[in-house]
Structures are given as C-alpha cells and as structure tokens.
Protein backbone atom coordinates (compact mmCIF):
# COMPACT_ATOMS: atom_id res chain seq x y z
CA MET A 1 1.81 17.06 24.84
CA THR A 2 4.68 16.82 22.36
CA LEU A 3 6.73 13.60 22.17
CA ASN A 4 9.94 13.31 20.17
CA PHE A 5 11.29 10.10 18.64
CA ASP A 6 13.74 9.10 15.95
CA VAL A 7 11.19 6.91 14.17
CA LEU A 8 7.39 6.74 14.20
CA ILE A 9 5.61 3.64 12.92
CA LEU A 10 1.92 3.75 12.07
CA GLY A 11 0.29 0.38 12.72
CA ALA A 12 1.02 -2.45 15.16
CA GLY A 13 0.48 -5.36 12.80
CA ALA A 14 3.04 -7.92 11.66
CA ALA A 15 5.08 -5.54 9.48
CA GLY A 16 4.97 -2.61 11.89
CA LEU A 17 6.01 -4.70 14.88
CA MET A 18 8.89 -6.33 13.00
CA CYS A 19 10.09 -2.93 11.79
CA ALA A 20 9.94 -1.54 15.33
CA ILE A 21 11.98 -4.44 16.69
CA GLU A 22 14.74 -4.04 14.12
CA THR A 23 14.74 -0.26 14.48
CA GLY A 24 14.93 -0.43 18.26
CA LYS A 25 17.77 -2.96 18.14
CA ARG A 26 19.83 -0.29 16.38
CA GLY A 27 19.43 2.05 19.33
CA ARG A 28 16.86 4.27 17.66
CA ARG A 29 14.06 5.81 19.74
CA VAL A 30 10.97 4.29 18.16
CA ALA A 31 7.24 4.54 18.81
CA ILE A 32 4.33 2.65 17.27
CA LEU A 33 0.99 4.43 16.98
CA GLU A 34 -1.93 1.99 16.82
CA ARG A 35 -5.60 2.91 16.54
CA ALA A 36 -6.90 -0.35 18.08
CA GLU A 37 -7.00 -1.25 21.74
CA HIS A 38 -4.38 -3.99 21.33
CA ILE A 39 -1.65 -4.98 18.89
CA GLY A 40 -1.69 -7.63 16.18
CA LYS A 41 -5.43 -8.14 15.83
CA LYS A 42 -5.14 -9.85 12.43
CA ILE A 43 -2.29 -12.03 13.68
CA LEU A 44 -4.57 -13.44 16.36
CA ILE A 45 -7.32 -14.52 13.96
CA SER A 46 -5.01 -15.78 11.21
CA GLY A 47 -4.71 -19.44 10.26
CA GLY A 48 -7.84 -20.38 12.17
CA GLY A 49 -6.21 -19.08 15.35
CA ARG A 50 -2.95 -20.96 14.70
CA CYS A 51 -1.19 -18.32 12.53
CA ASN A 52 0.34 -19.66 9.31
CA PHE A 53 3.40 -17.50 10.01
CA THR A 54 5.56 -18.37 6.99
CA ASN A 55 6.13 -20.86 4.18
CA LEU A 56 9.25 -22.98 3.69
CA HIS A 57 9.04 -22.62 -0.09
CA CYS A 58 8.84 -18.82 -0.31
CA THR A 59 10.05 -17.42 -3.64
CA PRO A 60 9.33 -14.18 -5.53
CA GLU A 61 7.09 -16.24 -7.83
CA ASN A 62 4.65 -16.61 -4.92
CA PHE A 63 3.83 -12.89 -5.09
CA LEU A 64 1.68 -10.74 -7.32
CA SER A 65 2.63 -7.14 -8.15
CA ALA A 66 2.58 -4.68 -11.03
CA ASN A 67 6.37 -5.12 -10.82
CA PRO A 68 6.91 -8.86 -10.18
CA HIS A 69 10.64 -8.29 -9.62
CA PHE A 70 10.30 -5.70 -6.85
CA ALA A 71 10.04 -8.12 -3.92
CA LYS A 72 13.17 -10.13 -4.79
CA SER A 73 15.66 -8.05 -2.82
CA VAL A 74 13.49 -7.75 0.28
CA LEU A 75 12.62 -11.46 0.36
CA ALA A 76 16.28 -12.40 -0.10
CA ARG A 77 17.38 -10.28 2.87
CA TYR A 78 14.96 -11.87 5.36
CA SER A 79 14.05 -15.49 4.66
CA PRO A 80 11.61 -17.95 6.25
CA ALA A 81 14.64 -19.47 8.04
CA ASP A 82 15.26 -16.11 9.73
CA PHE A 83 11.75 -15.98 11.19
CA ILE A 84 11.86 -19.66 12.13
CA ALA A 85 15.05 -18.91 14.10
CA LEU A 86 13.11 -16.24 16.01
CA VAL A 87 10.30 -18.71 16.75
CA GLU A 88 12.79 -21.31 17.95
CA LYS A 89 14.65 -18.74 20.06
CA HIS A 90 11.42 -18.27 22.00
CA LYS A 91 10.83 -22.05 22.15
CA ILE A 92 7.46 -21.80 20.41
CA PRO A 93 6.20 -25.17 19.10
CA TYR A 94 5.24 -25.23 15.42
CA HIS A 95 4.53 -27.73 12.69
CA GLU A 96 4.38 -28.00 8.93
CA LYS A 97 1.10 -28.63 7.18
CA THR A 98 0.75 -29.10 3.42
CA LEU A 99 2.84 -27.27 0.84
CA GLY A 100 5.42 -25.90 3.29
CA GLN A 101 2.95 -24.00 5.46
CA LEU A 102 4.16 -23.49 9.05
CA PHE A 103 1.64 -23.06 11.86
CA CYS A 104 1.90 -22.48 15.60
CA GLY A 105 1.51 -25.67 17.61
CA ARG A 106 -0.68 -23.95 20.19
CA SER A 107 -2.12 -20.60 19.16
CA SER A 108 -1.50 -17.41 17.21
CA ARG A 109 -0.95 -15.63 20.50
CA ASP A 110 2.48 -17.26 20.67
CA ILE A 111 3.59 -15.17 17.66
CA LEU A 112 2.24 -12.05 19.30
CA THR A 113 4.08 -12.92 22.51
CA ILE A 114 7.33 -13.17 20.55
CA LEU A 115 6.79 -9.75 18.97
CA GLU A 116 5.78 -8.13 22.27
CA SER A 117 8.84 -9.57 24.01
CA GLU A 118 11.19 -8.41 21.25
CA CYS A 119 9.62 -4.93 21.23
CA HIS A 120 10.10 -4.68 24.98
CA ALA A 121 13.75 -5.76 24.69
CA ALA A 122 14.30 -3.13 21.97
CA ASN A 123 12.73 -0.37 24.11
CA VAL A 124 9.90 0.21 21.65
CA ARG A 125 7.08 2.38 22.94
CA ILE A 126 3.58 1.41 21.80
CA PHE A 127 0.71 3.88 21.94
CA LEU A 128 -2.65 2.08 21.66
CA ASN A 129 -6.05 3.73 21.19
CA THR A 130 -4.35 6.42 19.13
CA LYS A 131 -6.35 8.11 16.37
CA ILE A 132 -4.25 10.09 13.92
CA GLU A 133 -5.73 13.47 13.02
CA ASP A 134 -3.04 14.93 10.77
CA VAL A 135 0.35 14.08 9.27
CA SER A 136 2.69 16.78 7.97
CA LYS A 137 6.37 17.19 7.13
CA SER A 138 8.74 20.13 7.16
CA SER A 139 12.19 19.42 8.58
CA GLU A 140 10.65 16.38 10.29
CA PHE A 141 7.35 14.53 10.41
CA THR A 142 4.70 15.86 12.77
CA ILE A 143 1.67 13.79 13.70
CA ARG A 144 -1.26 15.22 15.58
CA ALA A 145 -3.23 12.46 17.25
CA THR A 146 -5.70 11.68 19.98
CA HIS A 147 -4.31 9.13 22.44
CA ASN A 148 -6.71 7.86 25.11
CA SER A 149 -8.92 10.91 24.39
CA GLU A 150 -6.05 13.37 24.92
CA ALA A 151 -4.39 15.45 22.20
CA HIS A 152 -0.78 14.53 21.48
CA GLU A 153 1.82 15.66 18.99
CA PHE A 154 4.46 13.16 17.86
CA ARG A 155 7.59 14.21 16.01
CA ALA A 156 10.33 12.20 14.27
CA SER A 157 12.73 12.43 11.35
CA ALA A 158 11.40 9.17 9.88
CA LEU A 159 7.90 7.78 9.40
CA VAL A 160 6.99 4.19 8.54
CA VAL A 161 3.47 3.47 7.24
CA ALA A 162 2.36 -0.06 8.17
CA THR A 163 -1.38 0.48 8.32
CA GLY A 164 -2.35 -2.49 6.13
CA GLY A 165 -4.99 -2.73 3.43
CA LEU A 166 -8.78 -2.76 3.24
CA SER A 167 -9.42 -6.43 4.04
CA ILE A 168 -11.57 -7.37 7.04
CA PRO A 169 -12.97 -3.91 7.86
CA LYS A 170 -14.56 -5.24 11.07
CA MET A 171 -10.98 -5.56 12.38
CA GLY A 172 -10.46 -1.85 11.76
CA ALA A 173 -9.08 -1.80 8.21
CA THR A 174 -9.24 1.60 6.51
CA SER A 175 -7.79 3.40 3.48
CA PHE A 176 -5.52 5.50 5.72
CA GLY A 177 -2.23 4.30 4.21
CA TYR A 178 -3.39 4.92 0.64
CA ASP A 179 -4.76 8.33 1.55
CA LEU A 180 -1.46 9.27 3.20
CA ALA A 181 0.49 8.10 0.15
CA ARG A 182 -1.64 10.30 -2.10
CA GLN A 183 -1.24 13.23 0.32
CA PHE A 184 2.51 13.04 -0.31
CA GLY A 185 2.03 12.73 -4.07
CA LEU A 186 2.76 9.00 -4.35
CA ALA A 187 1.03 6.73 -6.87
CA VAL A 188 -1.23 3.91 -5.70
CA GLN A 189 -2.18 0.82 -7.71
CA PRO A 190 -5.98 0.38 -7.38
CA PRO A 191 -6.70 -1.80 -4.33
CA ARG A 192 -8.90 -4.88 -4.72
CA PRO A 193 -9.93 -7.86 -2.56
CA ALA A 194 -7.58 -10.85 -2.84
CA LEU A 195 -7.60 -14.38 -1.44
CA VAL A 196 -11.37 -14.04 -1.42
CA PRO A 197 -14.32 -16.35 -2.26
CA LEU A 198 -16.00 -15.90 -5.65
CA LEU A 199 -19.74 -15.50 -6.20
CA TRP A 200 -21.95 -17.53 -8.53
CA ASN A 201 -23.63 -15.82 -11.44
CA ASN A 202 -27.41 -16.27 -11.41
CA ASN A 203 -27.40 -19.21 -13.79
CA ASP A 204 -24.73 -21.20 -11.96
CA SER A 205 -26.27 -20.37 -8.59
CA SER A 206 -29.53 -22.05 -9.60
CA HIS A 207 -27.57 -25.16 -10.61
CA TYR A 208 -24.97 -25.52 -7.87
CA ALA A 209 -25.91 -23.55 -4.72
CA THR A 210 -27.46 -26.72 -3.24
CA LEU A 211 -24.00 -28.33 -3.20
CA ALA A 212 -22.86 -26.03 -0.37
CA GLY A 213 -20.43 -27.83 1.91
CA LEU A 214 -18.99 -30.17 -0.71
CA SER A 215 -15.25 -30.08 -1.34
CA THR A 216 -13.22 -31.51 -4.22
CA GLU A 217 -9.72 -31.18 -5.63
CA VAL A 218 -9.44 -29.09 -8.78
CA ILE A 219 -6.96 -27.15 -10.86
CA THR A 220 -8.03 -23.53 -11.19
CA THR A 221 -6.64 -21.44 -14.03
CA THR A 222 -7.16 -17.89 -15.18
CA SER A 223 -5.97 -16.11 -18.26
CA LYS A 224 -2.68 -14.23 -18.20
CA SER A 225 -2.82 -11.24 -15.85
CA PRO A 226 -1.28 -7.86 -16.65
CA HIS A 227 0.53 -8.28 -13.29
CA ALA A 228 1.97 -11.73 -14.02
CA ASP A 229 4.33 -13.22 -16.55
CA SER A 230 1.95 -16.08 -17.36
CA ALA A 231 -1.49 -17.48 -16.62
CA ALA A 232 -2.01 -18.43 -12.98
CA SER A 233 -2.85 -22.01 -12.05
CA PHE A 234 -3.36 -23.75 -8.70
CA ARG A 235 -4.11 -27.36 -7.75
CA GLU A 236 -5.86 -27.50 -4.39
CA LYS A 237 -9.25 -28.09 -2.81
CA MET A 238 -12.36 -26.16 -3.92
CA LEU A 239 -15.35 -25.67 -1.63
CA PHE A 240 -18.94 -25.10 -2.74
CA THR A 241 -20.82 -22.46 -0.73
CA HIS A 242 -24.38 -21.17 -0.82
CA ARG A 243 -23.13 -18.02 -2.54
CA GLY A 244 -20.34 -19.34 -4.75
CA LEU A 245 -16.95 -21.02 -4.60
CA SER A 246 -14.27 -20.95 -1.94
CA GLY A 247 -11.49 -23.16 -0.61
CA PRO A 248 -7.75 -22.78 -1.23
CA ALA A 249 -7.90 -23.26 -5.02
CA ILE A 250 -10.47 -20.48 -5.39
CA LEU A 251 -8.87 -18.10 -2.90
CA GLN A 252 -5.58 -18.46 -4.78
CA ILE A 253 -7.05 -17.79 -8.22
CA SER A 254 -9.18 -14.89 -6.93
CA SER A 255 -6.07 -12.71 -6.61
CA TYR A 256 -5.61 -12.99 -10.39
CA TRP A 257 -9.26 -12.92 -11.43
CA LYS A 258 -10.56 -9.85 -13.26
CA PRO A 259 -14.26 -8.83 -13.22
CA HIS A 260 -16.39 -10.01 -16.13
CA THR A 261 -13.92 -12.78 -17.03
CA GLY A 262 -14.09 -16.50 -16.38
CA ILE A 263 -11.94 -19.07 -14.64
CA SER A 264 -11.24 -22.58 -15.86
CA LEU A 265 -11.74 -25.57 -13.54
CA ASP A 266 -10.23 -29.00 -14.09
CA ILE A 267 -12.58 -31.03 -11.90
CA ALA A 268 -10.64 -34.28 -12.26
CA PRO A 269 -6.91 -33.50 -12.27
CA GLY A 270 -4.86 -36.31 -13.74
CA LYS A 271 -7.91 -38.52 -14.27
CA GLU A 272 -9.66 -39.62 -17.46
CA LEU A 273 -13.30 -39.80 -16.47
CA THR A 274 -14.60 -41.38 -19.67
CA ALA A 275 -11.78 -43.92 -20.10
CA PRO A 276 -13.90 -46.86 -18.86
CA PHE A 277 -16.17 -46.44 -21.89
CA GLN A 278 -13.39 -47.75 -24.10
CA ASP A 279 -14.57 -51.13 -22.82
CA PRO A 280 -17.31 -52.24 -25.25
CA LYS A 281 -18.97 -54.19 -22.44
CA LEU A 282 -19.78 -51.04 -20.49
CA PRO A 283 -23.22 -49.72 -21.43
CA ARG A 284 -23.23 -46.15 -22.68
CA SER A 285 -25.92 -44.24 -20.83
CA LEU A 286 -26.29 -41.28 -18.51
CA ALA A 287 -26.68 -43.64 -15.56
CA SER A 288 -23.43 -45.45 -16.28
CA LEU A 289 -21.71 -42.11 -16.97
CA LYS A 290 -22.80 -40.82 -13.56
CA ASN A 291 -21.61 -44.02 -11.95
CA GLU A 292 -18.12 -43.56 -13.41
CA PHE A 293 -17.96 -39.88 -12.45
CA ARG A 294 -18.96 -40.74 -8.87
CA LYS A 295 -15.84 -42.90 -8.57
CA VAL A 296 -13.73 -39.74 -8.91
CA LEU A 297 -15.96 -36.87 -7.75
CA PRO A 298 -18.32 -36.38 -4.79
CA ALA A 299 -21.51 -38.12 -5.83
CA ARG A 300 -23.83 -35.12 -5.61
CA PHE A 301 -21.41 -32.97 -7.57
CA ALA A 302 -20.99 -35.67 -10.23
CA ASP A 303 -24.76 -35.93 -10.66
CA HIS A 304 -25.38 -32.17 -10.72
CA TRP A 305 -22.54 -31.50 -13.10
CA LEU A 306 -23.63 -34.19 -15.55
CA ASP A 307 -27.24 -33.01 -15.39
CA HIS A 308 -25.98 -29.78 -16.99
CA HIS A 309 -23.19 -31.14 -19.17
CA ALA A 310 -24.50 -34.52 -20.35
CA PRO A 311 -23.43 -35.20 -23.96
CA PRO A 312 -26.08 -35.24 -26.70
CA SER A 313 -25.07 -38.81 -27.48
CA PHE A 314 -22.52 -41.33 -26.26
CA THR A 315 -20.37 -41.55 -29.37
CA ASN A 316 -16.60 -41.46 -28.97
CA HIS A 317 -16.65 -37.91 -30.32
CA ASP A 318 -19.17 -36.66 -27.74
CA LEU A 319 -17.47 -38.47 -24.87
CA ALA A 320 -14.16 -36.88 -25.88
CA ALA A 321 -15.84 -33.47 -25.89
CA LEU A 322 -17.27 -34.17 -22.42
CA GLU A 323 -13.80 -35.15 -21.19
CA ARG A 324 -12.36 -31.87 -22.44
CA THR A 325 -15.13 -29.91 -20.72
CA ALA A 326 -14.47 -31.70 -17.42
CA HIS A 327 -10.87 -30.53 -17.53
CA ALA A 328 -11.76 -26.99 -18.60
CA TRP A 329 -15.13 -26.18 -17.02
CA ARG A 330 -15.59 -22.46 -17.58
CA VAL A 331 -17.21 -20.53 -14.74
CA THR A 332 -17.78 -16.77 -14.91
CA PRO A 333 -18.15 -15.39 -11.36
CA ALA A 334 -20.51 -12.49 -10.73
CA GLY A 335 -17.94 -10.96 -8.37
CA THR A 336 -16.18 -11.62 -5.07
CA GLU A 337 -17.29 -11.67 -1.45
CA GLY A 338 -15.45 -8.35 -1.10
CA TYR A 339 -13.13 -6.98 1.56
CA ALA A 340 -15.25 -8.42 4.38
CA LYS A 341 -14.15 -11.96 3.43
CA ALA A 342 -10.83 -11.14 1.73
CA GLU A 343 -7.74 -12.34 3.57
CA VAL A 344 -5.61 -9.59 2.03
CA THR A 345 -5.76 -6.56 -0.24
CA ALA A 346 -4.02 -6.65 -3.63
CA GLY A 347 -2.78 -3.44 -5.19
CA GLY A 348 -1.57 -0.62 -2.96
CA LEU A 349 1.37 1.74 -2.96
CA ASP A 350 3.04 1.59 -6.38
CA THR A 351 6.41 -0.12 -5.96
CA SER A 352 7.98 2.29 -8.46
CA GLU A 353 7.73 4.88 -5.66
CA LEU A 354 9.93 2.87 -3.28
CA SER A 355 13.50 1.69 -2.92
CA ALA A 356 13.53 -2.07 -3.55
CA LYS A 357 16.12 -2.45 -0.78
CA THR A 358 14.80 -0.25 2.03
CA LEU A 359 11.13 0.48 1.17
CA GLU A 360 11.84 4.21 1.51
CA SER A 361 10.00 6.66 -0.70
CA LYS A 362 12.08 7.95 -3.59
CA LYS A 363 10.25 11.30 -3.46
CA VAL A 364 9.89 11.91 0.27
CA PRO A 365 13.07 11.22 2.29
CA GLY A 366 12.39 9.46 5.58
CA LEU A 367 8.98 8.12 4.52
CA PHE A 368 8.69 4.30 4.33
CA PHE A 369 5.83 1.96 3.35
CA ILE A 370 5.78 -1.72 4.36
CA GLY A 371 3.46 -4.72 4.60
CA GLU A 372 0.06 -5.20 3.01
CA GLY A 373 -0.34 -1.58 1.96
CA VAL A 374 2.39 -2.01 -0.66
CA ASP A 375 1.56 -3.52 -4.08
CA VAL A 376 3.06 -6.92 -3.22
CA THR A 377 0.50 -9.66 -2.53
CA GLY A 378 1.40 -13.22 -1.59
CA HIS A 379 -0.30 -16.48 -2.38
CA LEU A 380 -2.26 -18.30 0.32
CA GLY A 381 -0.11 -20.25 2.75
CA GLY A 382 2.04 -17.95 4.90
CA PHE A 383 3.52 -15.85 2.10
CA ASN A 384 1.85 -12.60 3.15
CA PHE A 385 3.24 -12.94 6.66
CA GLN A 386 6.69 -13.54 5.18
CA TRP A 387 6.34 -10.34 3.16
CA ALA A 388 5.34 -8.50 6.36
CA TRP A 389 8.37 -9.83 8.28
CA ALA A 390 10.78 -9.20 5.39
CA SER A 391 9.56 -5.70 4.50
CA GLY A 392 9.49 -4.73 8.18
CA PHE A 393 13.01 -6.06 8.66
CA CYS A 394 14.42 -4.23 5.64
CA ALA A 395 12.85 -0.90 6.56
CA GLY A 396 13.97 -1.41 10.17
CA GLN A 397 17.56 -1.83 9.02
CA ALA A 398 17.46 1.49 7.15
CA VAL A 399 15.11 3.84 8.96
C-alpha cells in the first residue's frame, strides 16, 4: 500500500507532535510514523508523572551545544508563554515549583490529551506500531515500513526526524535519527548521557556508599567545557546513592562532566563551618568540629566527611585549609549511570547542518531534524520540553 502526504514526521514524542500540529494547521497533509504502540511515552513518565512541561525562566544560557548561539532564534520564536497559552486554552491545571518549573496539577496525561486533541483538529494522521525499514530520496522522500505487520510505502516532499536520543532505551530509544543523518551525509556530534547520576570511584564508594538516601544542598562546579563559554555551576540538592551521587545538582553538572575529570562540591554554600572556632572558649577537637559541622550538614554526612578530611591539627592555618576543602571538595566520578538512567541525550545532529530558523538541513532540501536528536540539550527543569515545543513549532511553520 502506498500513501502520499505533504509531510512525514518520524516520532510521536513532544517535538514530533508539536511539529505535526503546526504543519496541519497550515493545511498540509501530514502523517506521523511511530514505532511504539502509543504516542508520547516519555511525556507520560516525565516529572514523576506530572510532566515538567516548561520553565518560566527559559533563556539560551540554559542550553548546552557545540554552538551555544544556535538555539536563540528557535527559542525566541516559541516561548514558554506560548505553550502556557495552549495549556490554559485546554483548561489544564498547573502550578509552579522551584526555579520557574511548571508542572501539571493532575498528571502528565493532560499534556498528551492536549497534543492529541490539537493533532485531531489539524487532521494529522498517526500511524502507530510502524517499523521503518528504509528511507530514500529522489524527487521526494520514500519510506518503506511495516505498519501493524503489513508492508506500507509512505511518500512526501518533506521529512521531519523527531526520533529522539538514546536515553531510556527501555522506552524504545534507538540511534535511528543519528543513523539516518549519517545516511544523508550529515555530521553528528558524539551522543552522550546527560542529566544522569554519577558513579563513585572505588575509593569514594568505600567511604560514602553507606550514606545512600541522604540529601544536602551543594554547589556543583566543573571546569570550563568546550561546549560552554564558562565553567558550569549549579546550586541545588545532591542525593547520595548506593552507587554514587544524584539529585538535581548532580544531574545538572553531569551534562558538562567529561570522563576522567573531577567535579567540585561546595558542601556548605554561604556558610563558614569553622567560624565558631574563632571563639577561644570553644575547645578545638575532632568531636567539637563534628558538632559544628552537624549544625549545617546531615549528621551522618558530617561525621563521614570529617573522618576522611579531619585536619592534622586544629591551628588556624589547618582550620582555614579545612574550610577551603569543604567549599571545594573534589570528587572524580568513575562514570555515569548511562543511558538507562539519563533523562536526555547530549550531542546529536550537528547544528551547523541546520537552518537556525527552520531546522531544515542545509544539504538535503525538505529534510528537518527537531527535538532531542539535535545537539541542543537543556538544563533540568522543563527546558528540554521547551526545546521540543519550540523546535517542533519552528519546523512546523516551514515544512
């Protein structure tokens, strides 16, 4: 069976659905081809089932890319306010959590309901359970696929790749988008897990694995990245796990971390842990030092940390050195938890291959790449959804 459309979109995630909606609104005949049995699988599990669908404070500085300026045009053309207007149009309750993060008041399914409703209104056809066998292009794109176990051929003058990255393979993530880009001669920045927990090295594991479950506020910092204008730094909660470190502060810094390098942890932001020892009446001992640290840090963490960083003496010089260490504790992770635990994939289609306004390939007319598969990766907190909405919108306006 051969089916003809104006536009074919590969992938029914956030970016693909948004692109389909905008394309359909323009009167174009559009079809989404999705390998899974239902749309928006990652939307449903996001934000603990509440979907952190955007962030009020979205700026280009919240994104990591080999070209940090690439996302500016796309983000400017579709803002958080634009998606909020869509949410409010459908009367979906939502609320703000910390740092401008917006979540559904009920469940992630509300976002999916919005997208399904808008797709229906725009006459978008969605083909689920569709496995793509081959993609080719002559005068138009031809896709051979198996849909519900039957062979189909789809044809269109434009093709949008919204197949995502490699994160959460159990949800069906594959390298399809990268492979397709390479098939058409397009460059790909090496993919890597991002927003992902970090693993202890053997030495630190023996010291701190027993603290699993403890959480504390820290400032995480990494050295300047080749993909950023300056060193990255985040002040949020850090969580100890049996295998390493997690929590928002660690997930954020993981996107910038490079293998075999360390990260710096300020375990007492804005506090001077040894200040009480300026009082001559306070006895200088490990016991009194632990007591003071416990006033700021979780007690078990304070004790463990001082067991491994106790000063050789309690002179002013050694206490000052201890203070500096507490604000720049160097940890060298053994690695990350990998794509299985990564919220997103960094790297992806090289932005130099795409129009910064439309996301269309500069080399292959009619071929577009959007969403997570492009080398634009947001911070934690709704930014990656905003990139999906914005890139889908911009491609949908042009395709």
